[in-house]
Amino acid sequence: NSGFWWTMGSMLLTAVVLSVLFWRKRYLARTGER
């Protein structure tokens, strides 16, 4: 019954973790802000 929400949560967590990782490595920052 909760499989859908577990899947969506894991997908969201994966996206957030990767976004934070890429942001800290400045992969998502503009050149002028570096």
PDB file of all heavy atoms in Angstrom:
ATOM      1  N   ASN A   1       0.813  -1.224   0.000  1.00  0.00           N
ATOM      2  CA  ASN A   1       0.000   0.000   0.000  1.00  0.00           C
ATOM      3  C   ASN A   1       0.843   1.269   0.000  1.00  0.00           C
ATOM      4  O   ASN A   1       0.455   2.275  -0.601  1.00  0.00           O
ATOM      5  CB  ASN A   1      -0.927   0.008   1.222  1.00  0.00           C
ATOM      6  CG  ASN A   1      -1.993  -1.064   1.145  1.00  0.00           C
ATOM      7  OD1 ASN A   1      -2.374  -1.479   0.036  1.00  0.00           O
ATOM      8  ND2 ASN A   1      -2.472  -1.541   2.284  1.00  0.00           N
ATOM      9  N   SER A   2       1.996   1.232   0.676  1.00  0.00           N
ATOM     10  CA  SER A   2       2.856   2.417   0.755  1.00  0.00           C
ATOM     11  C   SER A   2       4.052   2.344  -0.198  1.00  0.00           C
ATOM     12  O   SER A   2       4.990   3.121  -0.092  1.00  0.00           O
ATOM     13  CB  SER A   2       3.373   2.603   2.185  1.00  0.00           C
ATOM     14  OG  SER A   2       4.113   1.459   2.602  1.00  0.00           O
ATOM     15  N   GLY A   3       4.015   1.374  -1.134  1.00  0.00           N
ATOM     16  CA  GLY A   3       5.147   1.222  -2.046  1.00  0.00           C
ATOM     17  C   GLY A   3       5.372   2.447  -2.925  1.00  0.00           C
ATOM     18  O   GLY A   3       6.519   2.844  -3.190  1.00  0.00           O
ATOM     19  N   PHE A   4       4.286   3.021  -3.379  1.00  0.00           N
ATOM     20  CA  PHE A   4       4.420   4.211  -4.233  1.00  0.00           C
ATOM     21  C   PHE A   4       5.128   5.333  -3.502  1.00  0.00           C
ATOM     22  O   PHE A   4       6.031   5.980  -4.056  1.00  0.00           O
ATOM     23  CB  PHE A   4       3.036   4.659  -4.714  1.00  0.00           C
ATOM     24  CG  PHE A   4       3.046   5.974  -5.441  1.00  0.00           C
ATOM     25  CD1 PHE A   4       3.479   6.061  -6.763  1.00  0.00           C
ATOM     26  CD2 PHE A   4       2.642   7.153  -4.794  1.00  0.00           C
ATOM     27  CE1 PHE A   4       3.480   7.269  -7.425  1.00  0.00           C
ATOM     28  CE2 PHE A   4       2.656   8.356  -5.459  1.00  0.00           C
ATOM     29  CZ  PHE A   4       3.072   8.425  -6.774  1.00  0.00           C
ATOM     30  N   TRP A   5       4.723   5.565  -2.234  1.00  0.00           N
ATOM     31  CA  TRP A   5       5.301   6.689  -1.489  1.00  0.00           C
ATOM     32  C   TRP A   5       6.757   6.422  -1.120  1.00  0.00           C
ATOM     33  O   TRP A   5       7.580   7.313  -1.085  1.00  0.00           O
ATOM     34  CB  TRP A   5       4.472   6.973  -0.231  1.00  0.00           C
ATOM     35  CG  TRP A   5       3.057   7.335  -0.560  1.00  0.00           C
ATOM     36  CD1 TRP A   5       1.948   6.600  -0.358  1.00  0.00           C
ATOM     37  CD2 TRP A   5       2.643   8.528  -1.214  1.00  0.00           C
ATOM     38  NE1 TRP A   5       0.825   7.243  -0.831  1.00  0.00           N
ATOM     39  CE2 TRP A   5       1.258   8.469  -1.370  1.00  0.00           C
ATOM     40  CE3 TRP A   5       3.295   9.668  -1.702  1.00  0.00           C
ATOM     41  CZ2 TRP A   5       0.500   9.458  -1.952  1.00  0.00           C
ATOM     42  CZ3 TRP A   5       2.547  10.674  -2.274  1.00  0.00           C
ATOM     43  CH2 TRP A   5       1.159  10.562  -2.414  1.00  0.00           C
ATOM     44  N   TRP A   6       7.076   5.134  -0.825  1.00  0.00           N
ATOM     45  CA  TRP A   6       8.471   4.798  -0.570  1.00  0.00           C
ATOM     46  C   TRP A   6       9.328   5.052  -1.814  1.00  0.00           C
ATOM     47  O   TRP A   6      10.439   5.569  -1.727  1.00  0.00           O
ATOM     48  CB  TRP A   6       8.604   3.343  -0.138  1.00  0.00           C
ATOM     49  CG  TRP A   6       8.299   3.121   1.321  1.00  0.00           C
ATOM     50  CD1 TRP A   6       7.171   2.588   1.847  1.00  0.00           C
ATOM     51  CD2 TRP A   6       9.160   3.427   2.399  1.00  0.00           C
ATOM     52  NE1 TRP A   6       7.233   2.533   3.211  1.00  0.00           N
ATOM     53  CE2 TRP A   6       8.469   3.051   3.586  1.00  0.00           C
ATOM     54  CE3 TRP A   6      10.434   3.982   2.519  1.00  0.00           C
ATOM     55  CZ2 TRP A   6       9.021   3.222   4.852  1.00  0.00           C
ATOM     56  CZ3 TRP A   6      10.973   4.133   3.776  1.00  0.00           C
ATOM     57  CH2 TRP A   6      10.278   3.767   4.928  1.00  0.00           C
ATOM     58  N   THR A   7       8.802   4.710  -2.947  1.00  0.00           N
ATOM     59  CA  THR A   7       9.552   4.921  -4.198  1.00  0.00           C
ATOM     60  C   THR A   7       9.739   6.404  -4.482  1.00  0.00           C
ATOM     61  O   THR A   7      10.833   6.868  -4.830  1.00  0.00           O
ATOM     62  CB  THR A   7       8.822   4.247  -5.368  1.00  0.00           C
ATOM     63  OG1 THR A   7       8.641   2.859  -5.086  1.00  0.00           O
ATOM     64  CG2 THR A   7       9.614   4.407  -6.657  1.00  0.00           C
ATOM     65  N   MET A   8       8.651   7.185  -4.342  1.00  0.00           N
ATOM     66  CA  MET A   8       8.745   8.630  -4.579  1.00  0.00           C
ATOM     67  C   MET A   8       9.696   9.288  -3.588  1.00  0.00           C
ATOM     68  O   MET A   8      10.476  10.185  -3.935  1.00  0.00           O
ATOM     69  CB  MET A   8       7.362   9.271  -4.494  1.00  0.00           C
ATOM     70  CG  MET A   8       6.419   8.839  -5.614  1.00  0.00           C
ATOM     71  SD  MET A   8       7.027   9.297  -7.264  1.00  0.00           S
ATOM     72  CE  MET A   8       6.989  11.075  -7.131  1.00  0.00           C
ATOM     73  N   GLY A   9       9.643   8.842  -2.344  1.00  0.00           N
ATOM     74  CA  GLY A   9      10.547   9.414  -1.343  1.00  0.00           C
ATOM     75  C   GLY A   9      12.009   9.129  -1.648  1.00  0.00           C
ATOM     76  O   GLY A   9      12.881  10.004  -1.503  1.00  0.00           O
ATOM     77  N   SER A  10      12.271   7.878  -2.061  1.00  0.00           N
ATOM     78  CA  SER A  10      13.662   7.552  -2.395  1.00  0.00           C
ATOM     79  C   SER A  10      14.140   8.333  -3.616  1.00  0.00           C
ATOM     80  O   SER A  10      15.289   8.784  -3.682  1.00  0.00           O
ATOM     81  CB  SER A  10      13.796   6.051  -2.649  1.00  0.00           C
ATOM     82  OG  SER A  10      12.993   5.662  -3.753  1.00  0.00           O
ATOM     83  N   MET A  11      13.247   8.500  -4.580  1.00  0.00           N
ATOM     84  CA  MET A  11      13.620   9.275  -5.763  1.00  0.00           C
ATOM     85  C   MET A  11      13.882  10.741  -5.385  1.00  0.00           C
ATOM     86  O   MET A  11      14.857  11.354  -5.847  1.00  0.00           O
ATOM     87  CB  MET A  11      12.528   9.193  -6.826  1.00  0.00           C
ATOM     88  CG  MET A  11      12.364   7.785  -7.416  1.00  0.00           C
ATOM     89  SD  MET A  11      10.932   7.650  -8.522  1.00  0.00           S
ATOM     90  CE  MET A  11      11.463   8.688  -9.860  1.00  0.00           C
ATOM     91  N   LEU A  12      13.010  11.289  -4.520  1.00  0.00           N
ATOM     92  CA  LEU A  12      13.202  12.676  -4.088  1.00  0.00           C
ATOM     93  C   LEU A  12      14.479  12.829  -3.270  1.00  0.00           C
ATOM     94  O   LEU A  12      15.232  13.790  -3.457  1.00  0.00           O
ATOM     95  CB  LEU A  12      11.993  13.124  -3.267  1.00  0.00           C
ATOM     96  CG  LEU A  12      12.034  14.568  -2.722  1.00  0.00           C
ATOM     97  CD1 LEU A  12      12.125  15.560  -3.877  1.00  0.00           C
ATOM     98  CD2 LEU A  12      10.805  14.852  -1.860  1.00  0.00           C
ATOM     99  N   LEU A  13      14.739  11.893  -2.389  1.00  0.00           N
ATOM    100  CA  LEU A  13      15.957  11.945  -1.583  1.00  0.00           C
ATOM    101  C   LEU A  13      17.199  11.858  -2.463  1.00  0.00           C
ATOM    102  O   LEU A  13      18.175  12.592  -2.260  1.00  0.00           O
ATOM    103  CB  LEU A  13      15.952  10.811  -0.558  1.00  0.00           C
ATOM    104  CG  LEU A  13      17.188  10.713   0.352  1.00  0.00           C
ATOM    105  CD1 LEU A  13      17.321  11.987   1.183  1.00  0.00           C
ATOM    106  CD2 LEU A  13      17.107   9.483   1.229  1.00  0.00           C
ATOM    107  N   THR A  14      17.153  10.968  -3.454  1.00  0.00           N
ATOM    108  CA  THR A  14      18.290  10.846  -4.370  1.00  0.00           C
ATOM    109  C   THR A  14      18.525  12.152  -5.142  1.00  0.00           C
ATOM    110  O   THR A  14      19.663  12.611  -5.287  1.00  0.00           O
ATOM    111  CB  THR A  14      18.043   9.696  -5.361  1.00  0.00           C
ATOM    112  OG1 THR A  14      17.848   8.475  -4.624  1.00  0.00           O
ATOM    113  CG2 THR A  14      19.213   9.538  -6.306  1.00  0.00           C
ATOM    114  N   ALA A  15      17.431  12.777  -5.602  1.00  0.00           N
ATOM    115  CA  ALA A  15      17.557  14.035  -6.347  1.00  0.00           C
ATOM    116  C   ALA A  15      18.121  15.145  -5.470  1.00  0.00           C
ATOM    117  O   ALA A  15      18.988  15.919  -5.893  1.00  0.00           O
ATOM    118  CB  ALA A  15      16.206  14.440  -6.921  1.00  0.00           C
ATOM    119  N   VAL A  16      17.635  15.207  -4.199  1.00  0.00           N
ATOM    120  CA  VAL A  16      18.113  16.254  -3.289  1.00  0.00           C
ATOM    121  C   VAL A  16      19.581  16.051  -2.958  1.00  0.00           C
ATOM    122  O   VAL A  16      20.386  16.997  -2.973  1.00  0.00           O
ATOM    123  CB  VAL A  16      17.249  16.276  -2.001  1.00  0.00           C
ATOM    124  CG1 VAL A  16      17.877  17.195  -0.957  1.00  0.00           C
ATOM    125  CG2 VAL A  16      15.834  16.729  -2.325  1.00  0.00           C
ATOM    126  N   VAL A  17      19.968  14.818  -2.673  1.00  0.00           N
ATOM    127  CA  VAL A  17      21.370  14.548  -2.322  1.00  0.00           C
ATOM    128  C   VAL A  17      22.289  14.888  -3.496  1.00  0.00           C
ATOM    129  O   VAL A  17      23.340  15.531  -3.328  1.00  0.00           O
ATOM    130  CB  VAL A  17      21.532  13.073  -1.896  1.00  0.00           C
ATOM    131  CG1 VAL A  17      23.009  12.709  -1.784  1.00  0.00           C
ATOM    132  CG2 VAL A  17      20.824  12.832  -0.575  1.00  0.00           C
ATOM    133  N   LEU A  18      21.919  14.487  -4.705  1.00  0.00           N
ATOM    134  CA  LEU A  18      22.745  14.783  -5.865  1.00  0.00           C
ATOM    135  C   LEU A  18      22.790  16.292  -6.157  1.00  0.00           C
ATOM    136  O   LEU A  18      23.837  16.841  -6.532  1.00  0.00           O
ATOM    137  CB  LEU A  18      22.230  14.032  -7.093  1.00  0.00           C
ATOM    138  CG  LEU A  18      22.435  12.520  -7.076  1.00  0.00           C
ATOM    139  CD1 LEU A  18      21.790  11.882  -8.300  1.00  0.00           C
ATOM    140  CD2 LEU A  18      23.928  12.177  -7.039  1.00  0.00           C
ATOM    141  N   SER A  19      21.639  16.964  -5.958  1.00  0.00           N
ATOM    142  CA  SER A  19      21.606  18.413  -6.192  1.00  0.00           C
ATOM    143  C   SER A  19      22.526  19.137  -5.214  1.00  0.00           C
ATOM    144  O   SER A  19      23.286  20.034  -5.592  1.00  0.00           O
ATOM    145  CB  SER A  19      20.175  18.939  -6.058  1.00  0.00           C
ATOM    146  OG  SER A  19      19.337  18.371  -7.037  1.00  0.00           O
ATOM    147  N   VAL A  20      22.456  18.745  -3.925  1.00  0.00           N
ATOM    148  CA  VAL A  20      23.333  19.373  -2.932  1.00  0.00           C
ATOM    149  C   VAL A  20      24.789  19.077  -3.236  1.00  0.00           C
ATOM    150  O   VAL A  20      25.663  19.953  -3.136  1.00  0.00           O
ATOM    151  CB  VAL A  20      22.952  18.891  -1.508  1.00  0.00           C
ATOM    152  CG1 VAL A  20      23.975  19.378  -0.494  1.00  0.00           C
ATOM    153  CG2 VAL A  20      21.565  19.380  -1.145  1.00  0.00           C
ATOM    154  N   LEU A  21      25.091  17.848  -3.658  1.00  0.00           N
ATOM    155  CA  LEU A  21      26.461  17.478  -3.980  1.00  0.00           C
ATOM    156  C   LEU A  21      26.981  18.290  -5.166  1.00  0.00           C
ATOM    157  O   LEU A  21      28.098  18.837  -5.125  1.00  0.00           O
ATOM    158  CB  LEU A  21      26.526  15.976  -4.278  1.00  0.00           C
ATOM    159  CG  LEU A  21      27.912  15.442  -4.696  1.00  0.00           C
ATOM    160  CD1 LEU A  21      28.913  15.622  -3.565  1.00  0.00           C
ATOM    161  CD2 LEU A  21      27.809  13.976  -5.090  1.00  0.00           C
ATOM    162  N   PHE A  22      26.187  18.382  -6.206  1.00  0.00           N
ATOM    163  CA  PHE A  22      26.611  19.137  -7.380  1.00  0.00           C
ATOM    164  C   PHE A  22      26.711  20.637  -7.078  1.00  0.00           C
ATOM    165  O   PHE A  22      27.554  21.343  -7.631  1.00  0.00           O
ATOM    166  CB  PHE A  22      25.653  18.895  -8.548  1.00  0.00           C
ATOM    167  CG  PHE A  22      25.734  17.491  -9.105  1.00  0.00           C
ATOM    168  CD1 PHE A  22      24.658  16.935  -9.788  1.00  0.00           C
ATOM    169  CD2 PHE A  22      26.876  16.729  -8.931  1.00  0.00           C
ATOM    170  CE1 PHE A  22      24.737  15.654 -10.291  1.00  0.00           C
ATOM    171  CE2 PHE A  22      26.955  15.445  -9.436  1.00  0.00           C
ATOM    172  CZ  PHE A  22      25.883  14.902 -10.113  1.00  0.00           C
ATOM    173  N   TRP A  23      25.837  21.133  -6.210  1.00  0.00           N
ATOM    174  CA  TRP A  23      25.885  22.549  -5.844  1.00  0.00           C
ATOM    175  C   TRP A  23      27.149  22.866  -5.058  1.00  0.00           C
ATOM    176  O   TRP A  23      27.780  23.905  -5.268  1.00  0.00           O
ATOM    177  CB  TRP A  23      24.647  22.917  -5.050  1.00  0.00           C
ATOM    178  CG  TRP A  23      24.559  24.397  -4.764  1.00  0.00           C
ATOM    179  CD1 TRP A  23      24.972  25.048  -3.652  1.00  0.00           C
ATOM    180  CD2 TRP A  23      24.020  25.391  -5.638  1.00  0.00           C
ATOM    181  NE1 TRP A  23      24.741  26.386  -3.763  1.00  0.00           N
ATOM    182  CE2 TRP A  23      24.151  26.631  -4.984  1.00  0.00           C
ATOM    183  CE3 TRP A  23      23.438  25.342  -6.911  1.00  0.00           C
ATOM    184  CZ2 TRP A  23      23.709  27.834  -5.562  1.00  0.00           C
ATOM    185  CZ3 TRP A  23      23.004  26.534  -7.471  1.00  0.00           C
ATOM    186  CH2 TRP A  23      23.149  27.754  -6.804  1.00  0.00           C
ATOM    187  N   ARG A  24      27.528  21.980  -4.149  1.00  0.00           N
ATOM    188  CA  ARG A  24      28.753  22.191  -3.363  1.00  0.00           C
ATOM    189  C   ARG A  24      29.997  22.114  -4.247  1.00  0.00           C
ATOM    190  O   ARG A  24      30.997  22.786  -3.983  1.00  0.00           O
ATOM    191  CB  ARG A  24      28.833  21.165  -2.234  1.00  0.00           C
ATOM    192  CG  ARG A  24      27.824  21.398  -1.115  1.00  0.00           C
ATOM    193  CD  ARG A  24      27.960  20.345  -0.029  1.00  0.00           C
ATOM    194  NE  ARG A  24      29.275  20.424   0.598  1.00  0.00           N
ATOM    195  CZ  ARG A  24      29.576  21.221   1.628  1.00  0.00           C
ATOM    196  NH1 ARG A  24      28.641  22.030   2.133  1.00  0.00           N
ATOM    197  NH2 ARG A  24      30.778  21.222   2.157  1.00  0.00           N
ATOM    198  N   LYS A  25      29.925  21.309  -5.284  1.00  0.00           N
ATOM    199  CA  LYS A  25      31.047  21.224  -6.221  1.00  0.00           C
ATOM    200  C   LYS A  25      30.977  22.290  -7.311  1.00  0.00           C
ATOM    201  O   LYS A  25      31.783  22.292  -8.233  1.00  0.00           O
ATOM    202  CB  LYS A  25      31.079  19.835  -6.862  1.00  0.00           C
ATOM    203  CG  LYS A  25      31.496  18.731  -5.896  1.00  0.00           C
ATOM    204  CD  LYS A  25      31.582  17.399  -6.609  1.00  0.00           C
ATOM    205  CE  LYS A  25      32.101  16.319  -5.667  1.00  0.00           C
ATOM    206  NZ  LYS A  25      33.511  16.567  -5.292  1.00  0.00           N
ATOM    207  N   ARG A  26      30.000  23.194  -7.190  1.00  0.00           N
ATOM    208  CA  ARG A  26      29.828  24.312  -8.110  1.00  0.00           C
ATOM    209  C   ARG A  26      29.509  23.877  -9.534  1.00  0.00           C
ATOM    210  O   ARG A  26      29.796  24.599 -10.484  1.00  0.00           O
ATOM    211  CB  ARG A  26      31.087  25.198  -8.129  1.00  0.00           C
ATOM    212  CG  ARG A  26      31.520  25.710  -6.766  1.00  0.00           C
ATOM    213  CD  ARG A  26      30.460  26.633  -6.156  1.00  0.00           C
ATOM    214  NE  ARG A  26      30.855  27.096  -4.836  1.00  0.00           N
ATOM    215  CZ  ARG A  26      31.568  28.199  -4.611  1.00  0.00           C
ATOM    216  NH1 ARG A  26      31.970  28.928  -5.627  1.00  0.00           N
ATOM    217  NH2 ARG A  26      31.867  28.572  -3.398  1.00  0.00           N
ATOM    218  N   TYR A  27      28.916  22.695  -9.682  1.00  0.00           N
ATOM    219  CA  TYR A  27      28.517  22.281 -11.028  1.00  0.00           C
ATOM    220  C   TYR A  27      27.254  23.001 -11.494  1.00  0.00           C
ATOM    221  O   TYR A  27      26.986  23.051 -12.688  1.00  0.00           O
ATOM    222  CB  TYR A  27      28.260  20.775 -11.066  1.00  0.00           C
ATOM    223  CG  TYR A  27      29.507  19.927 -10.855  1.00  0.00           C
ATOM    224  CD1 TYR A  27      29.402  18.594 -10.490  1.00  0.00           C
ATOM    225  CD2 TYR A  27      30.771  20.471 -11.031  1.00  0.00           C
ATOM    226  CE1 TYR A  27      30.552  17.813 -10.300  1.00  0.00           C
ATOM    227  CE2 TYR A  27      31.902  19.720 -10.836  1.00  0.00           C
ATOM    228  CZ  TYR A  27      31.794  18.400 -10.466  1.00  0.00           C
ATOM    229  OH  TYR A  27      32.912  17.652 -10.275  1.00  0.00           O
ATOM    230  N   LEU A  28      26.475  23.513 -10.541  1.00  0.00           N
ATOM    231  CA  LEU A  28      25.232  24.203 -10.868  1.00  0.00           C
ATOM    232  C   LEU A  28      25.340  25.700 -10.655  1.00  0.00           C
ATOM    233  O   LEU A  28      24.343  26.403 -10.689  1.00  0.00           O
ATOM    234  CB  LEU A  28      24.080  23.658 -10.002  1.00  0.00           C
ATOM    235  CG  LEU A  28      23.691  22.197 -10.270  1.00  0.00           C
ATOM    236  CD1 LEU A  28      22.620  21.756  -9.278  1.00  0.00           C
ATOM    237  CD2 LEU A  28      23.181  22.035 -11.696  1.00  0.00           C
ATOM    238  N   ALA A  29      26.552  26.224 -10.420  1.00  0.00           N
ATOM    239  CA  ALA A  29      26.762  27.658 -10.187  1.00  0.00           C
ATOM    240  C   ALA A  29      27.214  28.323 -11.482  1.00  0.00           C
ATOM    241  O   ALA A  29      27.834  27.698 -12.349  1.00  0.00           O
ATOM    242  CB  ALA A  29      27.792  27.884  -9.098  1.00  0.00           C
ATOM    243  N   ARG A  30      26.902  29.593 -11.618  1.00  0.00           N
ATOM    244  CA  ARG A  30      27.346  30.356 -12.770  1.00  0.00           C
ATOM    245  C   ARG A  30      28.840  30.669 -12.662  1.00  0.00           C
ATOM    246  O   ARG A  30      29.403  30.736 -11.570  1.00  0.00           O
ATOM    247  CB  ARG A  30      26.570  31.667 -12.893  1.00  0.00           C
ATOM    248  CG  ARG A  30      25.099  31.482 -13.294  1.00  0.00           C
ATOM    249  CD  ARG A  30      24.416  32.814 -13.409  1.00  0.00           C
ATOM    250  NE  ARG A  30      23.058  32.680 -13.841  1.00  0.00           N
ATOM    251  CZ  ARG A  30      22.664  32.668 -15.108  1.00  0.00           C
ATOM    252  NH1 ARG A  30      23.562  32.810 -16.061  1.00  0.00           N
ATOM    253  NH2 ARG A  30      21.409  32.546 -15.437  1.00  0.00           N
ATOM    254  N   THR A  31      29.443  30.928 -13.814  1.00  0.00           N
ATOM    255  CA  THR A  31      30.875  31.234 -13.811  1.00  0.00           C
ATOM    256  C   THR A  31      31.150  32.530 -13.075  1.00  0.00           C
ATOM    257  O   THR A  31      32.146  32.654 -12.354  1.00  0.00           O
ATOM    258  CB  THR A  31      31.391  31.363 -15.257  1.00  0.00           C
ATOM    259  OG1 THR A  31      31.114  30.138 -15.953  1.00  0.00           O
ATOM    260  CG2 THR A  31      32.888  31.618 -15.280  1.00  0.00           C
ATOM    261  N   GLY A  32      30.283  33.516 -13.191  1.00  0.00           N
ATOM    262  CA  GLY A  32      30.501  34.792 -12.520  1.00  0.00           C
ATOM    263  C   GLY A  32      30.369  34.708 -11.028  1.00  0.00           C
ATOM    264  O   GLY A  32      30.805  35.601 -10.300  1.00  0.00           O
ATOM    265  N   GLU A  33      29.771  33.633 -10.478  1.00  0.00           N
ATOM    266  CA  GLU A  33      29.592  33.489  -9.042  1.00  0.00           C
ATOM    267  C   GLU A  33      30.665  32.630  -8.424  1.00  0.00           C
ATOM    268  O   GLU A  33      30.675  32.396  -7.230  1.00  0.00           O
ATOM    269  CB  GLU A  33      28.208  32.882  -8.751  1.00  0.00           C
ATOM    270  CG  GLU A  33      27.059  33.765  -9.245  1.00  0.00           C
ATOM    271  CD  GLU A  33      25.716  33.073  -9.069  1.00  0.00           C
ATOM    272  OE1 GLU A  33      25.734  31.906  -8.641  1.00  0.00           O
ATOM    273  OE2 GLU A  33      24.688  33.700  -9.346  1.00  0.00           O
ATOM    274  N   ARG A  34      31.562  32.113  -9.227  1.00  0.00           N
ATOM    275  CA  ARG A  34      32.564  31.199  -8.715  1.00  0.00           C
ATOM    276  C   ARG A  34      33.681  31.963  -8.031  1.00  0.00           C
ATOM    277  O   ARG A  34      34.023  33.046  -8.432  1.00  0.00           O
ATOM    278  CB  ARG A  34      33.137  30.354  -9.856  1.00  0.00           C
ATOM    279  CG  ARG A  34      32.061  29.504 -10.515  1.00  0.00           C
ATOM    280  CD  ARG A  34      32.627  28.657 -11.621  1.00  0.00           C
ATOM    281  NE  ARG A  34      33.547  27.656 -11.097  1.00  0.00           N
ATOM    282  CZ  ARG A  34      34.168  26.751 -11.851  1.00  0.00           C
ATOM    283  NH1 ARG A  34      33.947  26.739 -13.140  1.00  0.00           N
ATOM    284  NH2 ARG A  34      34.990  25.877 -11.319  1.00  0.00           N
TER     285      ARG A  34
END
